[in-house]
């Protein structure tokens, strides 16, 4: 996607393709990621498009900071479950569930995310 926007952390490229008050759709390509996140007011519906990656989810988020409007970012995920993701996989992350998406080392990982306000 030529219209991708590179993030400042160099760990992901993303492009919001639809932005609405109660939902948005974002196309994301990620590399290595070590920071947990949780969204207290959003459901995340994920569809994996290509690449190799994984999600760690659940447990507790240790050391995250509230970045505003219920978005907790950073820190580590303690006691989470690990799941390999491949193209075609779909998953739902409910509000408040800590999670980390990351690419397999040496690869990229691309997914479409539909976020819906809880």
PDB file of N, CA and C in Angstrom:
ATOM      1  N   UNK A   1       0.855  -1.174   0.000  1.00  0.00           N
ATOM      2  CA  UNK A   1       0.000   0.000   0.000  1.00  0.00           C
ATOM      3  C   UNK A   1       0.898   1.233   0.000  1.00  0.00           C
ATOM      4  N   UNK A   2       0.877   1.996  -1.068  1.00  0.00           N
ATOM      5  CA  UNK A   2       1.756   3.150  -1.195  1.00  0.00           C
ATOM      6  C   UNK A   2       1.454   4.250  -0.194  1.00  0.00           C
ATOM      7  N   UNK A   3       0.236   4.299   0.307  1.00  0.00           N
ATOM      8  CA  UNK A   3      -0.169   5.377   1.202  1.00  0.00           C
ATOM      9  C   UNK A   3       0.168   5.110   2.666  1.00  0.00           C
ATOM     10  N   UNK A   4       0.966   4.086   2.953  1.00  0.00           N
ATOM     11  CA  UNK A   4       1.298   3.770   4.344  1.00  0.00           C
ATOM     12  C   UNK A   4       2.034   4.935   4.994  1.00  0.00           C
ATOM     13  N   UNK A   5       1.811   5.117   6.269  1.00  0.00           N
ATOM     14  CA  UNK A   5       2.477   6.163   7.040  1.00  0.00           C
ATOM     15  C   UNK A   5       3.370   5.493   8.067  1.00  0.00           C
ATOM     16  N   UNK A   6       4.641   5.836   8.097  1.00  0.00           N
ATOM     17  CA  UNK A   6       5.559   5.219   9.046  1.00  0.00           C
ATOM     18  C   UNK A   6       5.408   5.857  10.422  1.00  0.00           C
ATOM     19  N   UNK A   7       5.349   5.023  11.443  1.00  0.00           N
ATOM     20  CA  UNK A   7       5.263   5.547  12.801  1.00  0.00           C
ATOM     21  C   UNK A   7       6.627   6.053  13.240  1.00  0.00           C
ATOM     22  N   UNK A   8       6.633   6.848  14.285  1.00  0.00           N
ATOM     23  CA  UNK A   8       7.887   7.418  14.775  1.00  0.00           C
ATOM     24  C   UNK A   8       8.763   6.398  15.471  1.00  0.00           C
ATOM     25  N   UNK A   9       8.186   5.283  15.946  1.00  0.00           N
ATOM     26  CA  UNK A   9       9.012   4.300  16.651  1.00  0.00           C
ATOM     27  C   UNK A   9       9.716   3.341  15.700  1.00  0.00           C
ATOM     28  N   UNK A  10       9.396   3.379  14.401  1.00  0.00           N
ATOM     29  CA  UNK A  10      10.036   2.512  13.425  1.00  0.00           C
ATOM     30  C   UNK A  10       9.617   1.057  13.526  1.00  0.00           C
ATOM     31  N   UNK A  11       8.644   0.734  14.361  1.00  0.00           N
ATOM     32  CA  UNK A  11       8.233  -0.645  14.583  1.00  0.00           C
ATOM     33  C   UNK A  11       6.976  -1.017  13.823  1.00  0.00           C
ATOM     34  N   UNK A  12       6.294  -0.047  13.260  1.00  0.00           N
ATOM     35  CA  UNK A  12       5.100  -0.365  12.496  1.00  0.00           C
ATOM     36  C   UNK A  12       4.835   0.740  11.488  1.00  0.00           C
ATOM     37  N   UNK A  13       4.163   0.353  10.419  1.00  0.00           N
ATOM     38  CA  UNK A  13       3.616   1.273   9.447  1.00  0.00           C
ATOM     39  C   UNK A  13       2.111   1.098   9.536  1.00  0.00           C
ATOM     40  N   UNK A  14       1.369   2.181   9.462  1.00  0.00           N
ATOM     41  CA  UNK A  14      -0.073   2.021   9.488  1.00  0.00           C
ATOM     42  C   UNK A  14      -0.746   3.118   8.693  1.00  0.00           C
ATOM     43  N   UNK A  15      -1.951   2.820   8.267  1.00  0.00           N
ATOM     44  CA  UNK A  15      -2.767   3.772   7.531  1.00  0.00           C
ATOM     45  C   UNK A  15      -4.205   3.581   7.965  1.00  0.00           C
ATOM     46  N   UNK A  16      -4.804   4.610   8.529  1.00  0.00           N
ATOM     47  CA  UNK A  16      -6.218   4.576   8.860  1.00  0.00           C
ATOM     48  C   UNK A  16      -6.966   4.810   7.552  1.00  0.00           C
ATOM     49  N   UNK A  17      -7.796   3.855   7.173  1.00  0.00           N
ATOM     50  CA  UNK A  17      -8.522   3.958   5.910  1.00  0.00           C
ATOM     51  C   UNK A  17      -9.958   4.435   6.092  1.00  0.00           C
ATOM     52  N   UNK A  18     -10.504   4.294   7.302  1.00  0.00           N
ATOM     53  CA  UNK A  18     -11.820   4.835   7.647  1.00  0.00           C
ATOM     54  C   UNK A  18     -11.724   5.337   9.080  1.00  0.00           C
ATOM     55  N   UNK A  19     -12.206   6.545   9.336  1.00  0.00           N
ATOM     56  CA  UNK A  19     -12.167   7.103  10.689  1.00  0.00           C
ATOM     57  C   UNK A  19     -13.534   7.685  11.015  1.00  0.00           C
ATOM     58  N   UNK A  20     -14.153   7.146  12.042  1.00  0.00           N
ATOM     59  CA  UNK A  20     -15.481   7.560  12.474  1.00  0.00           C
ATOM     60  C   UNK A  20     -15.447   7.706  13.989  1.00  0.00           C
ATOM     61  N   UNK A  21     -16.376   8.410  14.542  1.00  0.00           N
ATOM     62  CA  UNK A  21     -16.425   8.622  15.990  1.00  0.00           C
ATOM     63  C   UNK A  21     -16.467   7.322  16.785  1.00  0.00           C
ATOM     64  N   UNK A  22     -17.209   6.318  16.297  1.00  0.00           N
ATOM     65  CA  UNK A  22     -17.395   5.076  17.041  1.00  0.00           C
ATOM     66  C   UNK A  22     -16.630   3.880  16.481  1.00  0.00           C
ATOM     67  N   UNK A  23     -15.924   4.045  15.360  1.00  0.00           N
ATOM     68  CA  UNK A  23     -15.136   2.950  14.812  1.00  0.00           C
ATOM     69  C   UNK A  23     -14.084   3.502  13.860  1.00  0.00           C
ATOM     70  N   UNK A  24     -13.059   2.708  13.614  1.00  0.00           N
ATOM     71  CA  UNK A  24     -12.138   3.017  12.528  1.00  0.00           C
ATOM     72  C   UNK A  24     -11.509   1.740  12.016  1.00  0.00           C
ATOM     73  N   UNK A  25     -11.005   1.815  10.806  1.00  0.00           N
ATOM     74  CA  UNK A  25     -10.362   0.685  10.152  1.00  0.00           C
ATOM     75  C   UNK A  25      -8.941   1.101   9.814  1.00  0.00           C
ATOM     76  N   UNK A  26      -7.991   0.243  10.172  1.00  0.00           N
ATOM     77  CA  UNK A  26      -6.584   0.564   9.986  1.00  0.00           C
ATOM     78  C   UNK A  26      -5.849  -0.631   9.380  1.00  0.00           C
ATOM     79  N   UNK A  27      -4.978  -0.343   8.436  1.00  0.00           N
ATOM     80  CA  UNK A  27      -4.116  -1.332   7.802  1.00  0.00           C
ATOM     81  C   UNK A  27      -2.750  -1.197   8.475  1.00  0.00           C
ATOM     82  N   UNK A  28      -2.215  -2.296   9.040  1.00  0.00           N
ATOM     83  CA  UNK A  28      -0.986  -2.221   9.843  1.00  0.00           C
ATOM     84  C   UNK A  28       0.035  -3.243   9.352  1.00  0.00           C
ATOM     85  N   UNK A  29       1.286  -2.807   9.192  1.00  0.00           N
ATOM     86  CA  UNK A  29       2.412  -3.711   8.987  1.00  0.00           C
ATOM     87  C   UNK A  29       3.354  -3.500  10.151  1.00  0.00           C
ATOM     88  N   UNK A  30       3.684  -4.578  10.846  1.00  0.00           N
ATOM     89  CA  UNK A  30       4.456  -4.507  12.083  1.00  0.00           C
ATOM     90  C   UNK A  30       5.738  -5.312  11.955  1.00  0.00           C
ATOM     91  N   UNK A  31       6.760  -4.861  12.682  1.00  0.00           N
ATOM     92  CA  UNK A  31       7.966  -5.662  12.873  1.00  0.00           C
ATOM     93  C   UNK A  31       8.023  -6.018  14.347  1.00  0.00           C
ATOM     94  N   UNK A  32       9.197  -6.192  14.912  1.00  0.00           N
ATOM     95  CA  UNK A  32       9.326  -6.583  16.317  1.00  0.00           C
ATOM     96  C   UNK A  32       8.663  -5.545  17.225  1.00  0.00           C
ATOM     97  N   UNK A  33       7.919  -6.024  18.211  1.00  0.00           N
ATOM     98  CA  UNK A  33       7.222  -5.167  19.157  1.00  0.00           C
ATOM     99  C   UNK A  33       7.357  -5.777  20.550  1.00  0.00           C
ATOM    100  N   UNK A  34       7.704  -4.981  21.533  1.00  0.00           N
ATOM    101  CA  UNK A  34       7.862  -5.491  22.893  1.00  0.00           C
ATOM    102  C   UNK A  34       6.982  -4.756  23.904  1.00  0.00           C
ATOM    103  N   UNK A  35       6.137  -3.845  23.436  1.00  0.00           N
ATOM    104  CA  UNK A  35       5.307  -3.052  24.344  1.00  0.00           C
ATOM    105  C   UNK A  35       3.865  -3.535  24.351  1.00  0.00           C
ATOM    106  N   UNK A  36       3.359  -3.759  25.553  1.00  0.00           N
ATOM    107  CA  UNK A  36       1.964  -4.164  25.727  1.00  0.00           C
ATOM    108  C   UNK A  36       1.050  -2.964  25.512  1.00  0.00           C
ATOM    109  N   UNK A  37      -0.207  -3.254  25.229  1.00  0.00           N
ATOM    110  CA  UNK A  37      -1.218  -2.207  25.123  1.00  0.00           C
ATOM    111  C   UNK A  37      -2.572  -2.785  25.512  1.00  0.00           C
ATOM    112  N   UNK A  38      -3.461  -1.910  25.940  1.00  0.00           N
ATOM    113  CA  UNK A  38      -4.844  -2.278  26.248  1.00  0.00           C
ATOM    114  C   UNK A  38      -5.709  -1.064  25.932  1.00  0.00           C
ATOM    115  N   UNK A  39      -6.893  -1.320  25.426  1.00  0.00           N
ATOM    116  CA  UNK A  39      -7.822  -0.256  25.040  1.00  0.00           C
ATOM    117  C   UNK A  39      -9.104  -0.477  25.829  1.00  0.00           C
ATOM    118  N   UNK A  40      -9.330   0.340  26.853  1.00  0.00           N
ATOM    119  CA  UNK A  40     -10.451   0.108  27.759  1.00  0.00           C
ATOM    120  C   UNK A  40     -11.825   0.328  27.146  1.00  0.00           C
ATOM    121  N   UNK A  41     -11.895   1.023  26.008  1.00  0.00           N
ATOM    122  CA  UNK A  41     -13.193   1.352  25.425  1.00  0.00           C
ATOM    123  C   UNK A  41     -13.354   0.874  23.986  1.00  0.00           C
ATOM    124  N   UNK A  42     -12.490  -0.052  23.545  1.00  0.00           N
ATOM    125  CA  UNK A  42     -12.531  -0.491  22.145  1.00  0.00           C
ATOM    126  C   UNK A  42     -12.436  -2.005  22.023  1.00  0.00           C
ATOM    127  N   UNK A  43     -13.225  -2.561  21.111  1.00  0.00           N
ATOM    128  CA  UNK A  43     -13.040  -3.929  20.632  1.00  0.00           C
ATOM    129  C   UNK A  43     -12.096  -3.852  19.449  1.00  0.00           C
ATOM    130  N   UNK A  44     -11.178  -4.794  19.338  1.00  0.00           N
ATOM    131  CA  UNK A  44     -10.295  -4.912  18.173  1.00  0.00           C
ATOM    132  C   UNK A  44     -10.671  -6.186  17.426  1.00  0.00           C
ATOM    133  N   UNK A  45     -11.089  -6.044  16.181  1.00  0.00           N
ATOM    134  CA  UNK A  45     -11.373  -7.179  15.306  1.00  0.00           C
ATOM    135  C   UNK A  45     -10.225  -7.243  14.309  1.00  0.00           C
ATOM    136  N   UNK A  46      -9.467  -8.324  14.315  1.00  0.00           N
ATOM    137  CA  UNK A  46      -8.240  -8.440  13.528  1.00  0.00           C
ATOM    138  C   UNK A  46      -8.417  -9.490  12.434  1.00  0.00           C
ATOM    139  N   UNK A  47      -7.930  -9.162  11.233  1.00  0.00           N
ATOM    140  CA  UNK A  47      -7.846 -10.128  10.135  1.00  0.00           C
ATOM    141  C   UNK A  47      -6.401 -10.107   9.630  1.00  0.00           C
ATOM    142  N   UNK A  48      -5.696 -11.224   9.791  1.00  0.00           N
ATOM    143  CA  UNK A  48      -4.292 -11.309   9.379  1.00  0.00           C
ATOM    144  C   UNK A  48      -4.245 -11.456   7.860  1.00  0.00           C
ATOM    145  N   UNK A  49      -3.458 -10.583   7.211  1.00  0.00           N
ATOM    146  CA  UNK A  49      -3.367 -10.573   5.758  1.00  0.00           C
ATOM    147  C   UNK A  49      -2.152 -11.326   5.232  1.00  0.00           C
ATOM    148  N   UNK A  50      -0.972 -11.065   5.809  1.00  0.00           N
ATOM    149  CA  UNK A  50       0.242 -11.725   5.309  1.00  0.00           C
ATOM    150  C   UNK A  50       1.359 -11.656   6.340  1.00  0.00           C
ATOM    151  N   UNK A  51       2.379 -12.463   6.121  1.00  0.00           N
ATOM    152  CA  UNK A  51       3.562 -12.449   6.975  1.00  0.00           C
ATOM    153  C   UNK A  51       3.494 -13.462   8.088  1.00  0.00           C
ATOM    154  N   UNK A  52       4.464 -13.332   8.983  1.00  0.00           N
ATOM    155  CA  UNK A  52       4.573 -14.228  10.133  1.00  0.00           C
ATOM    156  C   UNK A  52       4.533 -13.399  11.404  1.00  0.00           C
ATOM    157  N   UNK A  53       3.678 -13.790  12.337  1.00  0.00           N
ATOM    158  CA  UNK A  53       3.588 -13.032  13.572  1.00  0.00           C
ATOM    159  C   UNK A  53       2.922 -13.804  14.683  1.00  0.00           C
ATOM    160  N   UNK A  54       2.705 -13.086  15.784  1.00  0.00           N
ATOM    161  CA  UNK A  54       2.082 -13.703  16.950  1.00  0.00           C
ATOM    162  C   UNK A  54       1.386 -12.637  17.776  1.00  0.00           C
ATOM    163  N   UNK A  55       0.563 -13.118  18.693  1.00  0.00           N
ATOM    164  CA  UNK A  55      -0.049 -12.263  19.694  1.00  0.00           C
ATOM    165  C   UNK A  55       0.186 -12.912  21.048  1.00  0.00           C
ATOM    166  N   UNK A  56       0.479 -12.096  22.031  1.00  0.00           N
ATOM    167  CA  UNK A  56       0.448 -12.499  23.424  1.00  0.00           C
ATOM    168  C   UNK A  56      -0.691 -11.686  24.034  1.00  0.00           C
ATOM    169  N   UNK A  57      -1.583 -12.335  24.777  1.00  0.00           N
ATOM    170  CA  UNK A  57      -2.781 -11.652  25.270  1.00  0.00           C
ATOM    171  C   UNK A  57      -3.147 -12.155  26.659  1.00  0.00           C
ATOM    172  N   UNK A  58      -3.939 -11.337  27.348  1.00  0.00           N
ATOM    173  CA  UNK A  58      -4.392 -11.711  28.682  1.00  0.00           C
ATOM    174  C   UNK A  58      -3.355 -11.370  29.734  1.00  0.00           C
ATOM    175  N   UNK A  59      -3.472 -11.945  30.886  1.00  0.00           N
ATOM    176  CA  UNK A  59      -2.555 -11.641  31.974  1.00  0.00           C
ATOM    177  C   UNK A  59      -2.752 -10.221  32.465  1.00  0.00           C
ATOM    178  N   UNK A  60      -1.671  -9.620  32.937  1.00  0.00           N
ATOM    179  CA  UNK A  60      -1.723  -8.242  33.416  1.00  0.00           C
ATOM    180  C   UNK A  60      -0.636  -7.414  32.744  1.00  0.00           C
ATOM    181  N   UNK A  61      -0.903  -6.137  32.623  1.00  0.00           N
ATOM    182  CA  UNK A  61       0.032  -5.202  32.014  1.00  0.00           C
ATOM    183  C   UNK A  61       0.778  -4.489  33.133  1.00  0.00           C
ATOM    184  N   UNK A  62       2.090  -4.671  33.183  1.00  0.00           N
ATOM    185  CA  UNK A  62       2.927  -4.097  34.234  1.00  0.00           C
ATOM    186  C   UNK A  62       3.739  -2.936  33.667  1.00  0.00           C
ATOM    187  N   UNK A  63       3.524  -1.734  34.194  1.00  0.00           N
ATOM    188  CA  UNK A  63       4.324  -0.579  33.799  1.00  0.00           C
ATOM    189  C   UNK A  63       3.761   0.234  32.656  1.00  0.00           C
ATOM    190  N   UNK A  64       2.535  -0.044  32.227  1.00  0.00           N
ATOM    191  CA  UNK A  64       1.933   0.742  31.156  1.00  0.00           C
ATOM    192  C   UNK A  64       1.510   2.119  31.642  1.00  0.00           C
ATOM    193  N   UNK A  65       1.422   3.043  30.714  1.00  0.00           N
ATOM    194  CA  UNK A  65       1.014   4.416  31.021  1.00  0.00           C
ATOM    195  C   UNK A  65      -0.279   4.740  30.296  1.00  0.00           C
ATOM    196  N   UNK A  66      -1.186   5.431  30.985  1.00  0.00           N
ATOM    197  CA  UNK A  66      -2.429   5.875  30.365  1.00  0.00           C
ATOM    198  C   UNK A  66      -2.095   7.026  29.420  1.00  0.00           C
ATOM    199  N   UNK A  67      -2.315   6.818  28.129  1.00  0.00           N
ATOM    200  CA  UNK A  67      -2.003   7.846  27.135  1.00  0.00           C
ATOM    201  C   UNK A  67      -3.221   8.695  26.805  1.00  0.00           C
ATOM    202  N   UNK A  68      -4.304   8.503  27.547  1.00  0.00           N
ATOM    203  CA  UNK A  68      -5.521   9.281  27.361  1.00  0.00           C
ATOM    204  C   UNK A  68      -6.659   8.437  26.832  1.00  0.00           C
ATOM    205  N   UNK A  69      -7.874   8.747  27.262  1.00  0.00           N
ATOM    206  CA  UNK A  69      -9.096   8.092  26.811  1.00  0.00           C
ATOM    207  C   UNK A  69      -9.065   6.573  26.960  1.00  0.00           C
ATOM    208  N   UNK A  70      -8.431   6.069  28.033  1.00  0.00           N
ATOM    209  CA  UNK A  70      -8.445   4.638  28.317  1.00  0.00           C
ATOM    210  C   UNK A  70      -7.465   3.812  27.515  1.00  0.00           C
ATOM    211  N   UNK A  71      -6.508   4.440  26.872  1.00  0.00           N
ATOM    212  CA  UNK A  71      -5.476   3.723  26.116  1.00  0.00           C
ATOM    213  C   UNK A  71      -4.255   3.554  27.024  1.00  0.00           C
ATOM    214  N   UNK A  72      -3.954   2.307  27.379  1.00  0.00           N
ATOM    215  CA  UNK A  72      -2.802   2.003  28.227  1.00  0.00           C
ATOM    216  C   UNK A  72      -1.721   1.401  27.330  1.00  0.00           C
ATOM    217  N   UNK A  73      -0.558   2.040  27.268  1.00  0.00           N
ATOM    218  CA  UNK A  73       0.506   1.586  26.370  1.00  0.00           C
ATOM    219  C   UNK A  73       1.815   1.456  27.122  1.00  0.00           C
ATOM    220  N   UNK A  74       2.615   0.488  26.675  1.00  0.00           N
ATOM    221  CA  UNK A  74       3.946   0.295  27.243  1.00  0.00           C
ATOM    222  C   UNK A  74       3.955  -0.758  28.331  1.00  0.00           C
ATOM    223  N   UNK A  75       5.125  -0.938  28.893  1.00  0.00           N
ATOM    224  CA  UNK A  75       5.288  -1.935  29.938  1.00  0.00           C
ATOM    225  C   UNK A  75       5.350  -3.337  29.373  1.00  0.00           C
ATOM    226  N   UNK A  76       5.234  -4.295  30.272  1.00  0.00           N
ATOM    227  CA  UNK A  76       5.329  -5.708  29.905  1.00  0.00           C
ATOM    228  C   UNK A  76       4.021  -6.411  30.195  1.00  0.00           C
ATOM    229  N   UNK A  77       3.815  -7.499  29.493  1.00  0.00           N
ATOM    230  CA  UNK A  77       2.647  -8.327  29.724  1.00  0.00           C
ATOM    231  C   UNK A  77       3.085  -9.510  30.585  1.00  0.00           C
ATOM    232  N   UNK A  78       2.444  -9.673  31.730  1.00  0.00           N
ATOM    233  CA  UNK A  78       2.806 -10.727  32.679  1.00  0.00           C
ATOM    234  C   UNK A  78       1.702 -11.778  32.694  1.00  0.00           C
ATOM    235  N   UNK A  79       2.080 -13.032  32.459  1.00  0.00           N
ATOM    236  CA  UNK A  79       1.130 -14.138  32.540  1.00  0.00           C
ATOM    237  C   UNK A  79       0.204 -14.281  31.353  1.00  0.00           C
ATOM    238  N   UNK A  80       0.550 -13.708  30.207  1.00  0.00           N
ATOM    239  CA  UNK A  80      -0.304 -13.810  29.029  1.00  0.00           C
ATOM    240  C   UNK A  80      -0.149 -15.131  28.298  1.00  0.00           C
ATOM    241  N   UNK A  81      -1.057 -15.389  27.376  1.00  0.00           N
ATOM    242  CA  UNK A  81      -1.019 -16.579  26.525  1.00  0.00           C
ATOM    243  C   UNK A  81      -0.450 -16.186  25.162  1.00  0.00           C
ATOM    244  N   UNK A  82       0.332 -17.079  24.562  1.00  0.00           N
ATOM    245  CA  UNK A  82       1.004 -16.841  23.289  1.00  0.00           C
ATOM    246  C   UNK A  82       0.309 -17.630  22.189  1.00  0.00           C
ATOM    247  N   UNK A  83       0.084 -16.976  21.035  1.00  0.00           N
ATOM    248  CA  UNK A  83      -0.565 -17.643  19.909  1.00  0.00           C
ATOM    249  C   UNK A  83       0.106 -17.207  18.606  1.00  0.00           C
ATOM    250  N   UNK A  84       0.534 -18.186  17.796  1.00  0.00           N
ATOM    251  CA  UNK A  84       1.074 -17.905  16.463  1.00  0.00           C
ATOM    252  C   UNK A  84      -0.085 -17.490  15.562  1.00  0.00           C
ATOM    253  N   UNK A  85       0.141 -16.495  14.707  1.00  0.00           N
ATOM    254  CA  UNK A  85      -0.869 -16.044  13.760  1.00  0.00           C
ATOM    255  C   UNK A  85      -0.357 -16.208  12.336  1.00  0.00           C
ATOM    256  N   UNK A  86      -1.273 -16.562  11.440  1.00  0.00           N
ATOM    257  CA  UNK A  86      -0.911 -16.760  10.035  1.00  0.00           C
ATOM    258  C   UNK A  86      -1.986 -16.110   9.161  1.00  0.00           C
ATOM    259  N   UNK A  87      -1.673 -15.872   7.888  1.00  0.00           N
ATOM    260  CA  UNK A  87      -2.659 -15.253   7.000  1.00  0.00           C
ATOM    261  C   UNK A  87      -3.994 -16.001   7.026  1.00  0.00           C
ATOM    262  N   UNK A  88      -5.066 -15.218   7.085  1.00  0.00           N
ATOM    263  CA  UNK A  88      -6.412 -15.783   7.145  1.00  0.00           C
ATOM    264  C   UNK A  88      -6.969 -15.885   8.548  1.00  0.00           C
ATOM    265  N   UNK A  89      -6.119 -15.821   9.573  1.00  0.00           N
ATOM    266  CA  UNK A  89      -6.611 -15.885  10.952  1.00  0.00           C
ATOM    267  C   UNK A  89      -7.395 -14.624  11.287  1.00  0.00           C
ATOM    268  N   UNK A  90      -8.425 -14.822  12.123  1.00  0.00           N
ATOM    269  CA  UNK A  90      -9.233 -13.706  12.615  1.00  0.00           C
ATOM    270  C   UNK A  90      -9.361 -13.836  14.116  1.00  0.00           C
ATOM    271  N   UNK A  91      -9.341 -12.711  14.805  1.00  0.00           N
ATOM    272  CA  UNK A  91      -9.498 -12.743  16.253  1.00  0.00           C
ATOM    273  C   UNK A  91     -10.139 -11.473  16.750  1.00  0.00           C
ATOM    274  N   UNK A  92     -10.678 -11.532  17.966  1.00  0.00           N
ATOM    275  CA  UNK A  92     -11.307 -10.392  18.619  1.00  0.00           C
ATOM    276  C   UNK A  92     -10.616 -10.173  19.944  1.00  0.00           C
ATOM    277  N   UNK A  93     -10.224  -8.933  20.192  1.00  0.00           N
ATOM    278  CA  UNK A  93      -9.633  -8.561  21.480  1.00  0.00           C
ATOM    279  C   UNK A  93     -10.652  -7.660  22.174  1.00  0.00           C
ATOM    280  N   UNK A  94     -11.222  -8.117  23.296  1.00  0.00           N
ATOM    281  CA  UNK A  94     -12.229  -7.312  23.984  1.00  0.00           C
ATOM    282  C   UNK A  94     -11.604  -6.120  24.711  1.00  0.00           C
ATOM    283  N   UNK A  95     -12.430  -5.117  25.043  1.00  0.00           N
ATOM    284  CA  UNK A  95     -11.933  -3.960  25.772  1.00  0.00           C
ATOM    285  C   UNK A  95     -11.226  -4.376  27.060  1.00  0.00           C
ATOM    286  N   UNK A  96     -10.100  -3.712  27.324  1.00  0.00           N
ATOM    287  CA  UNK A  96      -9.356  -3.927  28.558  1.00  0.00           C
ATOM    288  C   UNK A  96      -8.394  -5.096  28.546  1.00  0.00           C
ATOM    289  N   UNK A  97      -8.389  -5.931  27.499  1.00  0.00           N
ATOM    290  CA  UNK A  97      -7.480  -7.076  27.476  1.00  0.00           C
ATOM    291  C   UNK A  97      -6.090  -6.633  26.999  1.00  0.00           C
ATOM    292  N   UNK A  98      -5.071  -6.782  27.857  1.00  0.00           N
ATOM    293  CA  UNK A  98      -3.711  -6.452  27.423  1.00  0.00           C
ATOM    294  C   UNK A  98      -3.266  -7.397  26.309  1.00  0.00           C
ATOM    295  N   UNK A  99      -2.487  -6.851  25.369  1.00  0.00           N
ATOM    296  CA  UNK A  99      -2.015  -7.668  24.258  1.00  0.00           C
ATOM    297  C   UNK A  99      -0.768  -7.055  23.626  1.00  0.00           C
ATOM    298  N   UNK A 100      -0.040  -7.904  22.899  1.00  0.00           N
ATOM    299  CA  UNK A 100       1.128  -7.477  22.122  1.00  0.00           C
ATOM    300  C   UNK A 100       1.092  -8.232  20.798  1.00  0.00           C
ATOM    301  N   UNK A 101       1.077  -7.511  19.694  1.00  0.00           N
ATOM    302  CA  UNK A 101       1.266  -8.105  18.370  1.00  0.00           C
ATOM    303  C   UNK A 101       2.725  -7.922  17.991  1.00  0.00           C
ATOM    304  N   UNK A 102       3.326  -8.941  17.410  1.00  0.00           N
ATOM    305  CA  UNK A 102       4.702  -8.800  16.948  1.00  0.00           C
ATOM    306  C   UNK A 102       4.945  -9.694  15.733  1.00  0.00           C
ATOM    307  N   UNK A 103       5.911  -9.293  14.926  1.00  0.00           N
ATOM    308  CA  UNK A 103       6.320 -10.110  13.787  1.00  0.00           C
ATOM    309  C   UNK A 103       7.351 -11.125  14.249  1.00  0.00           C
ATOM    310  N   UNK A 104       7.419 -12.258  13.545  1.00  0.00           N
ATOM    311  CA  UNK A 104       8.486 -13.218  13.758  1.00  0.00           C
ATOM    312  C   UNK A 104       9.792 -12.528  13.372  1.00  0.00           C
ATOM    313  N   UNK A 105      10.880 -12.681  14.158  1.00  0.00           N
ATOM    314  CA  UNK A 105      12.142 -12.011  13.822  1.00  0.00           C
ATOM    315  C   UNK A 105      12.543 -12.236  12.361  1.00  0.00           C
ATOM    316  N   UNK A 106      12.916 -11.138  11.691  1.00  0.00           N
ATOM    317  CA  UNK A 106      13.325 -11.191  10.296  1.00  0.00           C
ATOM    318  C   UNK A 106      12.179 -11.109   9.304  1.00  0.00           C
ATOM    319  N   UNK A 107      10.954 -10.957   9.801  1.00  0.00           N
ATOM    320  CA  UNK A 107       9.769 -10.919   8.942  1.00  0.00           C
ATOM    321  C   UNK A 107       8.924  -9.696   9.270  1.00  0.00           C
ATOM    322  N   UNK A 108       7.966  -9.419   8.411  1.00  0.00           N
ATOM    323  CA  UNK A 108       6.931  -8.439   8.710  1.00  0.00           C
ATOM    324  C   UNK A 108       5.619  -9.190   8.896  1.00  0.00           C
ATOM    325  N   UNK A 109       4.661  -8.488   9.440  1.00  0.00           N
ATOM    326  CA  UNK A 109       3.373  -9.072   9.799  1.00  0.00           C
ATOM    327  C   UNK A 109       2.318  -8.012   9.494  1.00  0.00           C
ATOM    328  N   UNK A 110       1.380  -8.324   8.615  1.00  0.00           N
ATOM    329  CA  UNK A 110       0.402  -7.335   8.166  1.00  0.00           C
ATOM    330  C   UNK A 110      -1.006  -7.803   8.494  1.00  0.00           C
ATOM    331  N   UNK A 111      -1.809  -6.866   9.031  1.00  0.00           N
ATOM    332  CA  UNK A 111      -3.187  -7.188   9.375  1.00  0.00           C
ATOM    333  C   UNK A 111      -4.083  -5.975   9.195  1.00  0.00           C
ATOM    334  N   UNK A 112      -5.357  -6.248   9.070  1.00  0.00           N
ATOM    335  CA  UNK A 112      -6.382  -5.219   9.002  1.00  0.00           C
ATOM    336  C   UNK A 112      -7.080  -5.227  10.345  1.00  0.00           C
ATOM    337  N   UNK A 113      -7.278  -4.049  10.909  1.00  0.00           N
ATOM    338  CA  UNK A 113      -7.921  -3.958  12.212  1.00  0.00           C
ATOM    339  C   UNK A 113      -9.157  -3.060  12.116  1.00  0.00           C
ATOM    340  N   UNK A 114     -10.266  -3.575  12.610  1.00  0.00           N
ATOM    341  CA  UNK A 114     -11.491  -2.826  12.724  1.00  0.00           C
ATOM    342  C   UNK A 114     -11.689  -2.580  14.221  1.00  0.00           C
ATOM    343  N   UNK A 115     -11.673  -1.323  14.646  1.00  0.00           N
ATOM    344  CA  UNK A 115     -11.841  -0.981  16.056  1.00  0.00           C
ATOM    345  C   UNK A 115     -13.248  -0.403  16.233  1.00  0.00           C
ATOM    346  N   UNK A 116     -13.965  -0.939  17.210  1.00  0.00           N
ATOM    347  CA  UNK A 116     -15.325  -0.507  17.485  1.00  0.00           C
ATOM    348  C   UNK A 116     -15.442  -0.084  18.937  1.00  0.00           C
ATOM    349  N   UNK A 117     -15.979   1.084  19.171  1.00  0.00           N
ATOM    350  CA  UNK A 117     -16.137   1.606  20.532  1.00  0.00           C
ATOM    351  C   UNK A 117     -17.120   0.742  21.314  1.00  0.00           C
ATOM    352  N   UNK A 118     -16.712   0.378  22.531  1.00  0.00           N
ATOM    353  CA  UNK A 118     -17.555  -0.467  23.397  1.00  0.00           C
ATOM    354  C   UNK A 118     -18.705   0.346  23.964  1.00  0.00           C
TER     355      UNK A 118
END
